[in-house]
């Protein structure tokens, strides 16, 4: 999926499904539709499927901020 397609399908406030790809001290990275977002202060095991809400979209860097749904 292209970034433009992702933006056409998703907006701030949407709940999406993703897979945790990396856990770091400040949160977990979640991939959805080929793009990665950060769920700040969330600790989920790598490989977990999670439902998250889009809090913000960074158009320039093609990433997004997430929170538990």
Foldseek 3Di string as FASTA:
>chain_A
DDLVVVVVVDDAFDKDKFFFADADPQFTWTDDPRAIETEGPYDDDGGDIAIWGFHAADVVVSYTYTHGD
